[in-house]
N, C-alpha and C. Protein backbone atom coordinates (compact mmCIF):
# COMPACT_ATOMS: atom_id res chain seq x y z
N MET A 1 -6.11 -17.46 -23.83
CA MET A 1 -6.07 -18.69 -23.16
C MET A 1 -7.49 -18.93 -22.66
N GLU A 2 -8.32 -18.07 -22.11
CA GLU A 2 -9.61 -18.21 -21.54
C GLU A 2 -10.48 -18.85 -22.68
N GLN A 3 -10.37 -18.19 -23.96
CA GLN A 3 -11.29 -18.79 -25.08
C GLN A 3 -10.88 -20.25 -25.34
N THR A 4 -9.60 -20.46 -25.25
CA THR A 4 -9.10 -21.87 -25.60
C THR A 4 -9.67 -22.90 -24.66
N GLN A 5 -9.69 -22.43 -23.33
CA GLN A 5 -10.16 -23.25 -22.33
C GLN A 5 -11.77 -23.43 -22.37
N SER A 6 -12.38 -22.52 -22.88
CA SER A 6 -13.83 -22.47 -23.18
C SER A 6 -14.08 -23.60 -24.24
N LEU A 7 -13.32 -23.40 -25.33
CA LEU A 7 -13.36 -24.32 -26.52
C LEU A 7 -13.12 -25.83 -25.94
N LEU A 8 -12.10 -25.87 -25.13
CA LEU A 8 -11.80 -27.26 -24.56
C LEU A 8 -12.99 -27.80 -23.73
N ALA A 9 -13.54 -26.88 -22.85
CA ALA A 9 -14.66 -27.36 -22.07
C ALA A 9 -15.91 -27.82 -22.92
N GLU A 10 -16.00 -27.09 -23.93
CA GLU A 10 -17.13 -27.48 -24.91
C GLU A 10 -16.74 -28.80 -25.54
N ALA A 11 -15.55 -29.10 -25.95
CA ALA A 11 -15.18 -30.28 -26.56
C ALA A 11 -15.45 -31.39 -25.59
N ALA A 12 -15.05 -31.24 -24.26
CA ALA A 12 -15.38 -32.30 -23.32
C ALA A 12 -16.84 -32.52 -23.00
N GLN A 13 -17.62 -31.45 -23.12
CA GLN A 13 -19.03 -31.62 -22.81
C GLN A 13 -19.88 -32.31 -23.91
N THR A 14 -19.14 -32.30 -25.10
CA THR A 14 -19.77 -32.96 -26.25
C THR A 14 -19.00 -34.33 -26.69
N GLY A 15 -17.85 -34.46 -26.06
CA GLY A 15 -17.11 -35.61 -26.39
C GLY A 15 -16.42 -35.56 -27.72
N ASN A 16 -16.17 -34.38 -28.20
CA ASN A 16 -15.49 -34.13 -29.53
C ASN A 16 -13.94 -34.16 -29.42
N THR A 17 -13.59 -35.44 -29.64
CA THR A 17 -12.11 -35.74 -29.66
C THR A 17 -11.26 -34.90 -30.74
N GLU A 18 -11.93 -34.75 -32.03
CA GLU A 18 -11.30 -34.06 -33.04
C GLU A 18 -11.08 -32.55 -32.56
N ALA A 19 -12.06 -31.88 -32.03
CA ALA A 19 -11.76 -30.59 -31.64
C ALA A 19 -10.83 -30.44 -30.59
N PHE A 20 -10.81 -31.51 -29.65
CA PHE A 20 -9.72 -31.45 -28.62
C PHE A 20 -8.44 -31.57 -29.14
N TYR A 21 -8.17 -32.40 -30.10
CA TYR A 21 -6.91 -32.52 -30.69
C TYR A 21 -6.46 -31.32 -31.50
N ALA A 22 -7.46 -30.60 -32.16
CA ALA A 22 -7.23 -29.49 -32.89
C ALA A 22 -6.71 -28.45 -31.80
N LEU A 23 -7.33 -28.25 -30.65
CA LEU A 23 -6.84 -27.29 -29.68
C LEU A 23 -5.41 -27.63 -29.17
N LEU A 24 -5.20 -28.98 -28.96
CA LEU A 24 -3.92 -29.41 -28.61
C LEU A 24 -2.75 -29.01 -29.53
N ARG A 25 -3.08 -29.16 -30.80
CA ARG A 25 -2.13 -28.72 -31.86
C ARG A 25 -1.89 -27.26 -31.73
N GLN A 26 -2.87 -26.41 -31.42
CA GLN A 26 -2.65 -24.98 -31.38
C GLN A 26 -1.78 -24.65 -30.17
N ASN A 27 -2.12 -25.34 -28.97
CA ASN A 27 -1.50 -25.15 -27.69
C ASN A 27 -1.13 -26.45 -27.13
N PRO A 28 0.05 -27.08 -27.28
CA PRO A 28 0.38 -28.36 -26.79
C PRO A 28 0.48 -28.28 -25.21
N TYR A 29 0.49 -27.13 -24.66
CA TYR A 29 0.69 -27.05 -23.15
C TYR A 29 -0.76 -26.90 -22.41
N ILE A 30 -1.85 -26.90 -23.09
CA ILE A 30 -3.07 -26.57 -22.62
C ILE A 30 -3.33 -27.30 -21.40
N LEU A 31 -3.27 -28.65 -21.47
CA LEU A 31 -3.37 -29.56 -20.26
C LEU A 31 -2.47 -29.16 -19.07
N ASP A 32 -1.22 -28.85 -19.40
CA ASP A 32 -0.26 -28.49 -18.36
C ASP A 32 -0.73 -27.31 -17.78
N ASP A 33 -1.25 -26.32 -18.61
CA ASP A 33 -1.66 -25.02 -17.97
C ASP A 33 -2.81 -25.23 -16.98
N ILE A 34 -3.85 -26.06 -17.34
CA ILE A 34 -4.94 -26.49 -16.47
C ILE A 34 -4.44 -27.13 -15.16
N ASP A 35 -3.40 -28.05 -15.43
CA ASP A 35 -3.03 -28.82 -14.20
C ASP A 35 -2.40 -27.87 -13.22
N LYS A 36 -1.83 -26.78 -13.56
CA LYS A 36 -1.26 -25.82 -12.58
C LYS A 36 -2.23 -25.21 -11.73
N ILE A 37 -3.52 -25.22 -12.06
CA ILE A 37 -4.55 -24.61 -11.28
C ILE A 37 -4.93 -25.58 -10.05
N PRO A 38 -4.85 -25.27 -8.84
CA PRO A 38 -5.07 -26.21 -7.74
C PRO A 38 -6.39 -26.95 -7.85
N PHE A 39 -7.49 -26.09 -7.94
CA PHE A 39 -8.94 -26.82 -7.96
C PHE A 39 -9.63 -26.20 -9.14
N VAL A 40 -9.93 -27.23 -10.06
CA VAL A 40 -10.53 -26.73 -11.45
C VAL A 40 -11.31 -27.84 -11.92
N ASP A 41 -12.35 -27.59 -12.67
CA ASP A 41 -13.08 -28.53 -13.40
C ASP A 41 -12.21 -28.76 -14.80
N THR A 42 -11.51 -29.95 -14.70
CA THR A 42 -10.68 -30.26 -15.91
C THR A 42 -11.57 -30.85 -16.98
N PRO A 43 -11.02 -31.07 -18.13
CA PRO A 43 -11.79 -31.68 -19.23
C PRO A 43 -12.21 -33.09 -18.81
N LEU A 44 -11.43 -33.59 -17.94
CA LEU A 44 -11.89 -35.05 -17.40
C LEU A 44 -12.99 -34.95 -16.52
N HIS A 45 -13.08 -33.96 -15.63
CA HIS A 45 -14.25 -33.84 -14.77
C HIS A 45 -15.59 -33.65 -15.67
N ILE A 46 -15.41 -32.70 -16.76
CA ILE A 46 -16.54 -32.36 -17.58
C ILE A 46 -16.88 -33.63 -18.39
N SER A 47 -16.12 -34.32 -18.97
CA SER A 47 -16.53 -35.48 -19.76
C SER A 47 -16.87 -36.72 -18.94
N ALA A 48 -16.44 -36.84 -17.68
CA ALA A 48 -16.78 -37.97 -16.71
C ALA A 48 -18.27 -37.75 -16.38
N SER A 49 -18.72 -36.60 -16.28
CA SER A 49 -20.06 -36.27 -15.70
C SER A 49 -21.06 -36.14 -16.98
N ALA A 50 -20.52 -36.09 -18.25
CA ALA A 50 -21.44 -35.95 -19.33
C ALA A 50 -21.41 -37.12 -20.21
N ARG A 51 -21.22 -38.28 -19.67
CA ARG A 51 -21.32 -39.66 -20.35
C ARG A 51 -20.42 -39.98 -21.51
N PHE A 52 -19.37 -39.11 -21.69
CA PHE A 52 -18.35 -39.33 -22.75
C PHE A 52 -17.23 -40.12 -22.33
N THR A 53 -17.27 -41.37 -22.10
CA THR A 53 -16.25 -42.26 -21.54
C THR A 53 -15.02 -42.28 -22.51
N HIS A 54 -15.13 -42.19 -23.75
CA HIS A 54 -14.09 -42.25 -24.78
C HIS A 54 -13.23 -41.01 -24.47
N PHE A 55 -13.92 -39.86 -24.44
CA PHE A 55 -13.26 -38.68 -24.17
C PHE A 55 -12.50 -38.57 -22.91
N ALA A 56 -13.22 -39.06 -21.93
CA ALA A 56 -12.55 -39.08 -20.55
C ALA A 56 -11.29 -39.99 -20.54
N LEU A 57 -11.37 -41.04 -21.17
CA LEU A 57 -10.17 -41.92 -21.21
C LEU A 57 -9.04 -41.30 -22.14
N GLU A 58 -9.45 -40.61 -23.00
CA GLU A 58 -8.33 -39.94 -23.88
C GLU A 58 -7.60 -38.93 -23.05
N ILE A 59 -8.28 -38.12 -22.26
CA ILE A 59 -7.78 -37.15 -21.44
C ILE A 59 -6.92 -37.81 -20.29
N LEU A 60 -7.41 -38.76 -19.62
CA LEU A 60 -6.77 -39.41 -18.56
C LEU A 60 -5.48 -40.16 -19.08
N THR A 61 -5.49 -40.66 -20.44
CA THR A 61 -4.35 -41.27 -20.84
C THR A 61 -3.16 -40.22 -21.06
N LEU A 62 -3.67 -39.01 -21.47
CA LEU A 62 -2.65 -37.98 -21.71
C LEU A 62 -2.24 -37.16 -20.51
N LYS A 63 -3.04 -37.02 -19.56
CA LYS A 63 -2.74 -36.41 -18.35
C LYS A 63 -3.37 -37.16 -17.09
N PRO A 64 -2.76 -38.23 -16.62
CA PRO A 64 -3.19 -39.03 -15.58
C PRO A 64 -3.35 -38.25 -14.27
N SER A 65 -2.64 -37.15 -14.08
CA SER A 65 -2.74 -36.37 -12.84
C SER A 65 -4.23 -35.81 -12.72
N PHE A 66 -4.96 -35.61 -13.81
CA PHE A 66 -6.34 -35.04 -13.69
C PHE A 66 -7.20 -36.06 -12.91
N GLY A 67 -6.93 -37.35 -12.95
CA GLY A 67 -7.75 -38.34 -12.30
C GLY A 67 -7.90 -38.10 -10.70
N LYS A 68 -6.85 -37.46 -10.15
CA LYS A 68 -6.73 -37.13 -8.78
C LYS A 68 -7.07 -35.83 -8.35
N LYS A 69 -7.24 -35.00 -9.31
CA LYS A 69 -7.58 -33.54 -9.09
C LYS A 69 -8.93 -33.27 -8.71
N LEU A 70 -9.15 -32.40 -7.68
CA LEU A 70 -10.52 -31.99 -7.20
C LEU A 70 -10.88 -30.77 -7.93
N ASN A 71 -12.19 -30.65 -8.14
CA ASN A 71 -12.63 -29.39 -8.67
C ASN A 71 -13.04 -28.48 -7.53
N PRO A 72 -13.38 -27.26 -7.81
CA PRO A 72 -13.72 -26.16 -6.78
C PRO A 72 -14.81 -26.73 -5.72
N ASP A 73 -15.60 -27.64 -6.17
CA ASP A 73 -16.61 -28.14 -5.16
C ASP A 73 -16.07 -29.39 -4.43
N GLY A 74 -14.77 -29.84 -4.63
CA GLY A 74 -14.25 -30.94 -3.87
C GLY A 74 -14.50 -32.21 -4.40
N PHE A 75 -14.91 -32.37 -5.75
CA PHE A 75 -15.12 -33.64 -6.23
C PHE A 75 -14.13 -33.99 -7.37
N SER A 76 -13.77 -35.29 -7.42
CA SER A 76 -12.86 -35.82 -8.32
C SER A 76 -13.74 -36.16 -9.54
N PRO A 77 -13.04 -36.56 -10.69
CA PRO A 77 -13.75 -36.98 -11.84
C PRO A 77 -14.56 -38.22 -11.59
N LEU A 78 -14.15 -39.15 -10.72
CA LEU A 78 -14.72 -40.39 -10.40
C LEU A 78 -16.04 -40.09 -9.50
N ASP A 79 -15.89 -39.06 -8.61
CA ASP A 79 -17.03 -38.67 -7.84
C ASP A 79 -18.26 -38.20 -8.71
N LEU A 80 -17.83 -37.36 -9.80
CA LEU A 80 -18.82 -36.86 -10.66
C LEU A 80 -19.38 -37.86 -11.49
N ALA A 81 -18.62 -38.78 -11.97
CA ALA A 81 -19.16 -39.95 -12.81
C ALA A 81 -20.20 -40.78 -12.00
N LEU A 82 -19.94 -41.04 -10.80
CA LEU A 82 -20.80 -41.63 -9.81
C LEU A 82 -22.09 -40.79 -9.50
N ARG A 83 -21.92 -39.50 -9.29
CA ARG A 83 -22.99 -38.74 -8.96
C ARG A 83 -23.88 -38.63 -10.11
N TYR A 84 -23.48 -38.64 -11.40
CA TYR A 84 -24.36 -38.60 -12.59
C TYR A 84 -24.64 -39.87 -13.19
N GLN A 85 -24.31 -40.92 -12.36
CA GLN A 85 -24.71 -42.39 -12.73
C GLN A 85 -24.07 -42.80 -14.11
N GLN A 86 -22.92 -42.36 -14.38
CA GLN A 86 -22.25 -42.69 -15.64
C GLN A 86 -21.52 -44.03 -15.20
N THR A 87 -22.04 -45.18 -15.06
CA THR A 87 -21.51 -46.34 -14.56
C THR A 87 -20.41 -46.84 -15.60
N ASN A 88 -20.51 -46.61 -16.82
CA ASN A 88 -19.55 -47.16 -17.80
C ASN A 88 -18.28 -46.45 -17.63
N THR A 89 -18.42 -45.13 -17.50
CA THR A 89 -17.29 -44.24 -17.22
C THR A 89 -16.55 -44.56 -15.79
N VAL A 90 -17.39 -44.86 -14.76
CA VAL A 90 -16.83 -45.26 -13.63
C VAL A 90 -15.99 -46.49 -13.75
N LYS A 91 -16.55 -47.52 -14.40
CA LYS A 91 -15.90 -48.75 -14.55
C LYS A 91 -14.53 -48.55 -15.41
N TRP A 92 -14.48 -47.86 -16.49
CA TRP A 92 -13.26 -47.54 -17.16
C TRP A 92 -12.27 -46.74 -16.34
N LEU A 93 -12.68 -45.80 -15.57
CA LEU A 93 -11.66 -44.92 -14.70
C LEU A 93 -11.20 -45.85 -13.78
N VAL A 94 -11.88 -46.71 -13.08
CA VAL A 94 -11.37 -47.66 -12.14
C VAL A 94 -10.42 -48.73 -12.61
N ASP A 95 -10.82 -49.20 -13.87
CA ASP A 95 -10.05 -50.22 -14.62
C ASP A 95 -8.62 -49.47 -14.99
N TYR A 96 -8.70 -48.21 -15.46
CA TYR A 96 -7.53 -47.45 -15.86
C TYR A 96 -6.51 -47.42 -14.72
N ASP A 97 -7.23 -46.85 -13.50
CA ASP A 97 -6.30 -46.60 -12.46
C ASP A 97 -7.09 -46.92 -11.11
N PRO A 98 -6.96 -48.02 -10.51
CA PRO A 98 -7.60 -48.52 -9.35
C PRO A 98 -7.57 -47.62 -8.14
N HIS A 99 -6.32 -46.88 -8.22
CA HIS A 99 -6.14 -45.98 -6.99
C HIS A 99 -7.03 -44.80 -6.98
N LEU A 100 -7.72 -44.56 -8.00
CA LEU A 100 -8.60 -43.34 -8.01
C LEU A 100 -9.71 -43.63 -7.00
N ILE A 101 -10.17 -44.76 -6.50
CA ILE A 101 -11.11 -44.95 -5.63
C ILE A 101 -10.72 -44.38 -4.13
N ARG A 102 -9.40 -44.22 -3.98
CA ARG A 102 -8.92 -43.79 -2.69
C ARG A 102 -8.75 -42.21 -2.68
N VAL A 103 -8.99 -41.51 -3.69
CA VAL A 103 -8.91 -39.99 -3.72
C VAL A 103 -9.86 -39.42 -2.80
N LYS A 104 -9.33 -38.73 -1.85
CA LYS A 104 -10.32 -38.06 -0.88
C LYS A 104 -10.68 -36.70 -1.28
N GLY A 105 -11.87 -36.43 -1.35
CA GLY A 105 -12.44 -35.18 -1.81
C GLY A 105 -13.17 -34.43 -0.63
N LYS A 106 -14.33 -33.78 -0.94
CA LYS A 106 -15.13 -33.03 0.01
C LYS A 106 -15.36 -33.81 1.16
N GLU A 107 -15.00 -33.24 2.40
CA GLU A 107 -15.26 -33.85 3.63
C GLU A 107 -14.49 -35.13 3.86
N ARG A 108 -13.39 -35.20 3.18
CA ARG A 108 -12.50 -36.35 3.16
C ARG A 108 -13.07 -37.61 2.71
N PHE A 109 -14.23 -37.62 1.97
CA PHE A 109 -14.81 -38.77 1.64
C PHE A 109 -14.15 -39.24 0.33
N THR A 110 -14.02 -40.59 0.09
CA THR A 110 -13.68 -41.28 -1.11
C THR A 110 -14.94 -41.42 -2.05
N ALA A 111 -14.77 -41.70 -3.26
CA ALA A 111 -15.89 -41.80 -4.14
C ALA A 111 -16.82 -42.86 -3.83
N LEU A 112 -16.27 -43.82 -3.27
CA LEU A 112 -17.20 -45.04 -2.76
C LEU A 112 -17.50 -45.03 -1.36
N HIS A 113 -17.34 -44.02 -0.67
CA HIS A 113 -17.71 -43.95 0.76
C HIS A 113 -19.08 -44.04 1.12
């Protein structure tokens, strides 16, 4: 499982949707397994901070709960996209789910606080 998650993180870091779907075919529960972890850098966190909007939206479509999940540092995917000045990703995330701007993270701040 750890190797699969490493490969998934690499796919998110590079925006490789083909590699992502290959991993999903091998383990259709991979996103569910990640979602069980309370605080984790999901593939959405990784791709949102790495300028791969298309990959981020693919993940968000398949696992909408990742949009509200905080990583171990207390940041949501929207927080990270803003932090790394990924304005296109920010726009698409908010267009997909306007409620993402209300997710409270570290120190109870929202992404637009």
